[in-house]
């Protein structure tokens, strides 16, 4: 199969569906490739990627909770 750069799908959190790593590593960072469009225009995710079962608000909150640089105000 020949792929062009326009056939690759990238994770864009907040714009499209969220993607997760199958191994439980969490959400795929924005800008990472997650799959491609095949010759029949089907989305094919890479073997280690799945559509997230969580929505954007879940991941937004999770990302905030994991941010070690955020400030806590009294």
PDB file of N, CA and C in Angstrom:
ATOM      1  N   UNK A   1       0.842  -1.175   0.000  1.00  0.00           N
ATOM      2  CA  UNK A   1       0.000   0.000   0.000  1.00  0.00           C
ATOM      3  C   UNK A   1       0.892   1.244   0.000  1.00  0.00           C
ATOM      4  N   UNK A   2       0.563   2.180  -0.853  1.00  0.00           N
ATOM      5  CA  UNK A   2       1.281   3.452  -0.889  1.00  0.00           C
ATOM      6  C   UNK A   2       0.484   4.474  -0.097  1.00  0.00           C
ATOM      7  N   UNK A   3       1.157   5.137   0.839  1.00  0.00           N
ATOM      8  CA  UNK A   3       0.506   6.168   1.638  1.00  0.00           C
ATOM      9  C   UNK A   3       1.123   7.521   1.351  1.00  0.00           C
ATOM     10  N   UNK A   4       0.286   8.531   1.309  1.00  0.00           N
ATOM     11  CA  UNK A   4       0.750   9.909   1.220  1.00  0.00           C
ATOM     12  C   UNK A   4       0.581  10.552   2.589  1.00  0.00           C
ATOM     13  N   UNK A   5       1.241  11.653   2.807  1.00  0.00           N
ATOM     14  CA  UNK A   5       1.143  12.333   4.095  1.00  0.00           C
ATOM     15  C   UNK A   5      -0.297  12.742   4.401  1.00  0.00           C
ATOM     16  N   UNK A   6      -1.080  13.003   3.375  1.00  0.00           N
ATOM     17  CA  UNK A   6      -2.476  13.403   3.581  1.00  0.00           C
ATOM     18  C   UNK A   6      -3.358  12.231   4.005  1.00  0.00           C
ATOM     19  N   UNK A   7      -2.840  10.999   3.928  1.00  0.00           N
ATOM     20  CA  UNK A   7      -3.604   9.819   4.328  1.00  0.00           C
ATOM     21  C   UNK A   7      -3.454   9.489   5.816  1.00  0.00           C
ATOM     22  N   UNK A   8      -2.537  10.172   6.500  1.00  0.00           N
ATOM     23  CA  UNK A   8      -2.276   9.888   7.908  1.00  0.00           C
ATOM     24  C   UNK A   8      -3.224  10.694   8.791  1.00  0.00           C
ATOM     25  N   UNK A   9      -3.717  10.072   9.855  1.00  0.00           N
ATOM     26  CA  UNK A   9      -4.609  10.729  10.813  1.00  0.00           C
ATOM     27  C   UNK A   9      -3.807  11.057  12.064  1.00  0.00           C
ATOM     28  N   UNK A  10      -3.946  12.278  12.556  1.00  0.00           N
ATOM     29  CA  UNK A  10      -3.238  12.721  13.744  1.00  0.00           C
ATOM     30  C   UNK A  10      -4.225  13.008  14.859  1.00  0.00           C
ATOM     31  N   UNK A  11      -3.787  12.803  16.088  1.00  0.00           N
ATOM     32  CA  UNK A  11      -4.608  13.103  17.251  1.00  0.00           C
ATOM     33  C   UNK A  11      -4.672  14.612  17.454  1.00  0.00           C
ATOM     34  N   UNK A  12      -5.878  15.155  17.505  1.00  0.00           N
ATOM     35  CA  UNK A  12      -6.090  16.584  17.751  1.00  0.00           C
ATOM     36  C   UNK A  12      -7.115  16.720  18.860  1.00  0.00           C
ATOM     37  N   UNK A  13      -6.675  16.640  20.076  1.00  0.00           N
ATOM     38  CA  UNK A  13      -7.554  16.697  21.235  1.00  0.00           C
ATOM     39  C   UNK A  13      -8.348  17.997  21.220  1.00  0.00           C
ATOM     40  N   UNK A  14      -9.641  17.883  21.425  1.00  0.00           N
ATOM     41  CA  UNK A  14     -10.509  19.051  21.429  1.00  0.00           C
ATOM     42  C   UNK A  14     -11.162  19.309  20.084  1.00  0.00           C
ATOM     43  N   UNK A  15     -10.644  18.685  19.029  1.00  0.00           N
ATOM     44  CA  UNK A  15     -11.199  18.884  17.693  1.00  0.00           C
ATOM     45  C   UNK A  15     -11.929  17.625  17.228  1.00  0.00           C
ATOM     46  N   UNK A  16     -11.330  16.484  17.478  1.00  0.00           N
ATOM     47  CA  UNK A  16     -11.928  15.226  17.020  1.00  0.00           C
ATOM     48  C   UNK A  16     -12.076  14.272  18.203  1.00  0.00           C
ATOM     49  N   UNK A  17     -12.244  13.026  17.912  1.00  0.00           N
ATOM     50  CA  UNK A  17     -12.328  12.017  18.961  1.00  0.00           C
ATOM     51  C   UNK A  17     -10.995  11.920  19.693  1.00  0.00           C
ATOM     52  N   UNK A  18     -11.048  11.474  20.934  1.00  0.00           N
ATOM     53  CA  UNK A  18      -9.818  11.219  21.676  1.00  0.00           C
ATOM     54  C   UNK A  18      -9.369   9.790  21.383  1.00  0.00           C
ATOM     55  N   UNK A  19      -8.091   9.597  21.392  1.00  0.00           N
ATOM     56  CA  UNK A  19      -7.518   8.280  21.154  1.00  0.00           C
ATOM     57  C   UNK A  19      -6.678   7.894  22.364  1.00  0.00           C
ATOM     58  N   UNK A  20      -6.653   6.590  22.658  1.00  0.00           N
ATOM     59  CA  UNK A  20      -5.870   6.063  23.773  1.00  0.00           C
ATOM     60  C   UNK A  20      -4.935   4.977  23.273  1.00  0.00           C
ATOM     61  N   UNK A  21      -3.881   4.747  24.059  1.00  0.00           N
ATOM     62  CA  UNK A  21      -3.021   3.598  23.808  1.00  0.00           C
ATOM     63  C   UNK A  21      -3.694   2.363  24.386  1.00  0.00           C
ATOM     64  N   UNK A  22      -3.644   1.241  23.675  1.00  0.00           N
ATOM     65  CA  UNK A  22      -4.266  -0.001  24.133  1.00  0.00           C
ATOM     66  C   UNK A  22      -3.654  -0.508  25.435  1.00  0.00           C
ATOM     67  N   UNK A  23      -2.382  -0.209  25.658  1.00  0.00           N
ATOM     68  CA  UNK A  23      -1.694  -0.750  26.826  1.00  0.00           C
ATOM     69  C   UNK A  23      -1.989   0.008  28.123  1.00  0.00           C
ATOM     70  N   UNK A  24      -2.922   0.960  28.083  1.00  0.00           N
ATOM     71  CA  UNK A  24      -3.288   1.686  29.286  1.00  0.00           C
ATOM     72  C   UNK A  24      -2.417   2.880  29.597  1.00  0.00           C
ATOM     73  N   UNK A  25      -1.559   3.256  28.675  1.00  0.00           N
ATOM     74  CA  UNK A  25      -0.640   4.380  28.852  1.00  0.00           C
ATOM     75  C   UNK A  25      -1.350   5.728  28.843  1.00  0.00           C
ATOM     76  N   UNK A  26      -2.631   5.759  28.506  1.00  0.00           N
ATOM     77  CA  UNK A  26      -3.381   7.005  28.515  1.00  0.00           C
ATOM     78  C   UNK A  26      -3.682   7.535  27.131  1.00  0.00           C
ATOM     79  N   UNK A  27      -4.052   8.822  27.111  1.00  0.00           N
ATOM     80  CA  UNK A  27      -4.442   9.481  25.859  1.00  0.00           C
ATOM     81  C   UNK A  27      -3.227   9.687  24.966  1.00  0.00           C
ATOM     82  N   UNK A  28      -3.443   9.547  23.673  1.00  0.00           N
ATOM     83  CA  UNK A  28      -2.386   9.816  22.700  1.00  0.00           C
ATOM     84  C   UNK A  28      -2.185  11.333  22.647  1.00  0.00           C
ATOM     85  N   UNK A  29      -0.946  11.802  22.797  1.00  0.00           N
ATOM     86  CA  UNK A  29      -0.701  13.242  22.757  1.00  0.00           C
ATOM     87  C   UNK A  29      -1.128  13.864  21.427  1.00  0.00           C
ATOM     88  N   UNK A  30      -1.555  15.103  21.510  1.00  0.00           N
ATOM     89  CA  UNK A  30      -1.951  15.825  20.309  1.00  0.00           C
ATOM     90  C   UNK A  30      -0.783  15.898  19.339  1.00  0.00           C
ATOM     91  N   UNK A  31      -1.072  15.662  18.074  1.00  0.00           N
ATOM     92  CA  UNK A  31      -0.045  15.740  17.043  1.00  0.00           C
ATOM     93  C   UNK A  31       0.599  14.415  16.702  1.00  0.00           C
ATOM     94  N   UNK A  32       0.365  13.370  17.519  1.00  0.00           N
ATOM     95  CA  UNK A  32       0.916  12.050  17.211  1.00  0.00           C
ATOM     96  C   UNK A  32       0.017  11.344  16.200  1.00  0.00           C
ATOM     97  N   UNK A  33       0.613  10.600  15.304  1.00  0.00           N
ATOM     98  CA  UNK A  33      -0.149   9.844  14.315  1.00  0.00           C
ATOM     99  C   UNK A  33      -0.867   8.691  15.002  1.00  0.00           C
ATOM    100  N   UNK A  34      -2.130   8.462  14.624  1.00  0.00           N
ATOM    101  CA  UNK A  34      -2.914   7.388  15.235  1.00  0.00           C
ATOM    102  C   UNK A  34      -3.390   6.356  14.222  1.00  0.00           C
ATOM    103  N   UNK A  35      -3.316   6.670  12.933  1.00  0.00           N
ATOM    104  CA  UNK A  35      -3.785   5.735  11.917  1.00  0.00           C
ATOM    105  C   UNK A  35      -3.694   6.318  10.530  1.00  0.00           C
ATOM    106  N   UNK A  36      -4.453   5.714   9.632  1.00  0.00           N
ATOM    107  CA  UNK A  36      -4.423   6.157   8.234  1.00  0.00           C
ATOM    108  C   UNK A  36      -5.765   5.876   7.576  1.00  0.00           C
ATOM    109  N   UNK A  37      -5.967   6.471   6.419  1.00  0.00           N
ATOM    110  CA  UNK A  37      -7.147   6.242   5.598  1.00  0.00           C
ATOM    111  C   UNK A  37      -6.763   5.231   4.519  1.00  0.00           C
ATOM    112  N   UNK A  38      -7.497   4.130   4.434  1.00  0.00           N
ATOM    113  CA  UNK A  38      -7.152   3.126   3.424  1.00  0.00           C
ATOM    114  C   UNK A  38      -7.750   3.489   2.064  1.00  0.00           C
ATOM    115  N   UNK A  39      -7.519   2.650   1.078  1.00  0.00           N
ATOM    116  CA  UNK A  39      -7.953   2.949  -0.292  1.00  0.00           C
ATOM    117  C   UNK A  39      -9.468   3.050  -0.430  1.00  0.00           C
ATOM    118  N   UNK A  40     -10.209   2.451   0.526  1.00  0.00           N
ATOM    119  CA  UNK A  40     -11.673   2.525   0.503  1.00  0.00           C
ATOM    120  C   UNK A  40     -12.208   3.631   1.408  1.00  0.00           C
ATOM    121  N   UNK A  41     -11.320   4.529   1.840  1.00  0.00           N
ATOM    122  CA  UNK A  41     -11.668   5.674   2.691  1.00  0.00           C
ATOM    123  C   UNK A  41     -12.124   5.270   4.095  1.00  0.00           C
ATOM    124  N   UNK A  42     -11.659   4.114   4.583  1.00  0.00           N
ATOM    125  CA  UNK A  42     -11.922   3.682   5.952  1.00  0.00           C
ATOM    126  C   UNK A  42     -10.792   4.137   6.859  1.00  0.00           C
ATOM    127  N   UNK A  43     -11.136   4.482   8.097  1.00  0.00           N
ATOM    128  CA  UNK A  43     -10.104   4.822   9.079  1.00  0.00           C
ATOM    129  C   UNK A  43      -9.537   3.531   9.652  1.00  0.00           C
ATOM    130  N   UNK A  44      -8.232   3.391   9.596  1.00  0.00           N
ATOM    131  CA  UNK A  44      -7.547   2.234  10.156  1.00  0.00           C
ATOM    132  C   UNK A  44      -6.598   2.759  11.230  1.00  0.00           C
ATOM    133  N   UNK A  45      -6.890   2.432  12.490  1.00  0.00           N
ATOM    134  CA  UNK A  45      -6.026   2.861  13.578  1.00  0.00           C
ATOM    135  C   UNK A  45      -4.828   1.926  13.670  1.00  0.00           C
ATOM    136  N   UNK A  46      -3.693   2.462  14.116  1.00  0.00           N
ATOM    137  CA  UNK A  46      -2.525   1.616  14.330  1.00  0.00           C
ATOM    138  C   UNK A  46      -2.849   0.577  15.401  1.00  0.00           C
ATOM    139  N   UNK A  47      -2.124  -0.531  15.411  1.00  0.00           N
ATOM    140  CA  UNK A  47      -2.420  -1.651  16.302  1.00  0.00           C
ATOM    141  C   UNK A  47      -2.405  -1.296  17.785  1.00  0.00           C
ATOM    142  N   UNK A  48      -1.677  -0.270  18.163  1.00  0.00           N
ATOM    143  CA  UNK A  48      -1.578   0.080  19.583  1.00  0.00           C
ATOM    144  C   UNK A  48      -2.530   1.204  19.994  1.00  0.00           C
ATOM    145  N   UNK A  49      -3.447   1.610  19.096  1.00  0.00           N
ATOM    146  CA  UNK A  49      -4.347   2.741  19.339  1.00  0.00           C
ATOM    147  C   UNK A  49      -5.805   2.295  19.302  1.00  0.00           C
ATOM    148  N   UNK A  50      -6.637   2.879  20.185  1.00  0.00           N
ATOM    149  CA  UNK A  50      -8.083   2.664  20.166  1.00  0.00           C
ATOM    150  C   UNK A  50      -8.776   4.013  20.337  1.00  0.00           C
ATOM    151  N   UNK A  51     -10.050   4.096  19.915  1.00  0.00           N
ATOM    152  CA  UNK A  51     -10.851   5.267  20.231  1.00  0.00           C
ATOM    153  C   UNK A  51     -11.066   5.268  21.737  1.00  0.00           C
ATOM    154  N   UNK A  52     -10.965   6.410  22.359  1.00  0.00           N
ATOM    155  CA  UNK A  52     -11.136   6.501  23.801  1.00  0.00           C
ATOM    156  C   UNK A  52     -12.585   6.283  24.196  1.00  0.00           C
ATOM    157  N   UNK A  53     -12.775   5.623  25.319  1.00  0.00           N
ATOM    158  CA  UNK A  53     -14.129   5.464  25.862  1.00  0.00           C
ATOM    159  C   UNK A  53     -14.538   6.695  26.650  1.00  0.00           C
ATOM    160  N   UNK A  54     -13.601   7.645  26.849  1.00  0.00           N
ATOM    161  CA  UNK A  54     -13.868   8.874  27.597  1.00  0.00           C
ATOM    162  C   UNK A  54     -14.020  10.057  26.650  1.00  0.00           C
ATOM    163  N   UNK A  55     -14.736  11.087  27.108  1.00  0.00           N
ATOM    164  CA  UNK A  55     -14.925  12.272  26.285  1.00  0.00           C
ATOM    165  C   UNK A  55     -13.851  13.329  26.597  1.00  0.00           C
ATOM    166  N   UNK A  56     -13.955  14.459  25.900  1.00  0.00           N
ATOM    167  CA  UNK A  56     -12.949  15.509  26.044  1.00  0.00           C
ATOM    168  C   UNK A  56     -12.904  16.083  27.454  1.00  0.00           C
ATOM    169  N   UNK A  57     -14.049  16.228  28.113  1.00  0.00           N
ATOM    170  CA  UNK A  57     -14.041  16.820  29.448  1.00  0.00           C
ATOM    171  C   UNK A  57     -13.297  15.914  30.440  1.00  0.00           C
ATOM    172  N   UNK A  58     -13.412  14.608  30.273  1.00  0.00           N
ATOM    173  CA  UNK A  58     -12.660  13.685  31.120  1.00  0.00           C
ATOM    174  C   UNK A  58     -11.159  13.915  30.945  1.00  0.00           C
ATOM    175  N   UNK A  59     -10.701  13.943  29.693  1.00  0.00           N
ATOM    176  CA  UNK A  59      -9.271  14.086  29.439  1.00  0.00           C
ATOM    177  C   UNK A  59      -8.773  15.474  29.815  1.00  0.00           C
ATOM    178  N   UNK A  60      -9.608  16.506  29.637  1.00  0.00           N
ATOM    179  CA  UNK A  60      -9.196  17.850  30.062  1.00  0.00           C
ATOM    180  C   UNK A  60      -8.946  17.868  31.562  1.00  0.00           C
ATOM    181  N   UNK A  61      -9.865  17.286  32.338  1.00  0.00           N
ATOM    182  CA  UNK A  61      -9.693  17.234  33.791  1.00  0.00           C
ATOM    183  C   UNK A  61      -8.518  16.360  34.182  1.00  0.00           C
ATOM    184  N   UNK A  62      -8.371  15.213  33.530  1.00  0.00           N
ATOM    185  CA  UNK A  62      -7.266  14.306  33.819  1.00  0.00           C
ATOM    186  C   UNK A  62      -5.930  15.003  33.557  1.00  0.00           C
ATOM    187  N   UNK A  63      -5.833  15.694  32.413  1.00  0.00           N
ATOM    188  CA  UNK A  63      -4.595  16.388  32.086  1.00  0.00           C
ATOM    189  C   UNK A  63      -4.267  17.455  33.121  1.00  0.00           C
ATOM    190  N   UNK A  64      -5.286  18.170  33.597  1.00  0.00           N
ATOM    191  CA  UNK A  64      -5.067  19.168  34.644  1.00  0.00           C
ATOM    192  C   UNK A  64      -4.578  18.526  35.933  1.00  0.00           C
ATOM    193  N   UNK A  65      -5.189  17.415  36.311  1.00  0.00           N
ATOM    194  CA  UNK A  65      -4.790  16.727  37.533  1.00  0.00           C
ATOM    195  C   UNK A  65      -3.357  16.209  37.460  1.00  0.00           C
ATOM    196  N   UNK A  66      -2.899  15.855  36.273  1.00  0.00           N
ATOM    197  CA  UNK A  66      -1.555  15.312  36.096  1.00  0.00           C
ATOM    198  C   UNK A  66      -0.499  16.390  35.852  1.00  0.00           C
ATOM    199  N   UNK A  67      -0.916  17.639  35.748  1.00  0.00           N
ATOM    200  CA  UNK A  67      -0.001  18.744  35.450  1.00  0.00           C
ATOM    201  C   UNK A  67       0.742  19.159  36.723  1.00  0.00           C
ATOM    202  N   UNK A  68       2.014  18.781  36.809  1.00  0.00           N
ATOM    203  CA  UNK A  68       2.778  19.097  38.025  1.00  0.00           C
ATOM    204  C   UNK A  68       3.196  20.558  38.100  1.00  0.00           C
ATOM    205  N   UNK A  69       2.913  21.336  37.061  1.00  0.00           N
ATOM    206  CA  UNK A  69       3.268  22.758  37.056  1.00  0.00           C
ATOM    207  C   UNK A  69       2.080  23.664  37.389  1.00  0.00           C
ATOM    208  N   UNK A  70       0.898  23.080  37.587  1.00  0.00           N
ATOM    209  CA  UNK A  70      -0.251  23.936  37.882  1.00  0.00           C
ATOM    210  C   UNK A  70      -0.145  24.510  39.278  1.00  0.00           C
ATOM    211  N   UNK A  71      -0.716  25.666  39.479  1.00  0.00           N
ATOM    212  CA  UNK A  71      -0.679  26.350  40.763  1.00  0.00           C
ATOM    213  C   UNK A  71      -1.973  26.125  41.523  1.00  0.00           C
ATOM    214  N   UNK A  72      -1.855  25.884  42.812  1.00  0.00           N
ATOM    215  CA  UNK A  72      -3.006  25.787  43.691  1.00  0.00           C
ATOM    216  C   UNK A  72      -3.136  27.098  44.438  1.00  0.00           C
ATOM    217  N   UNK A  73      -4.257  27.758  44.284  1.00  0.00           N
ATOM    218  CA  UNK A  73      -4.497  29.038  44.971  1.00  0.00           C
ATOM    219  C   UNK A  73      -5.363  28.784  46.211  1.00  0.00           C
ATOM    220  N   UNK A  74      -5.040  29.460  47.319  1.00  0.00           N
ATOM    221  CA  UNK A  74      -5.818  29.251  48.541  1.00  0.00           C
ATOM    222  C   UNK A  74      -7.224  29.808  48.417  1.00  0.00           C
TER     223      UNK A  74
END
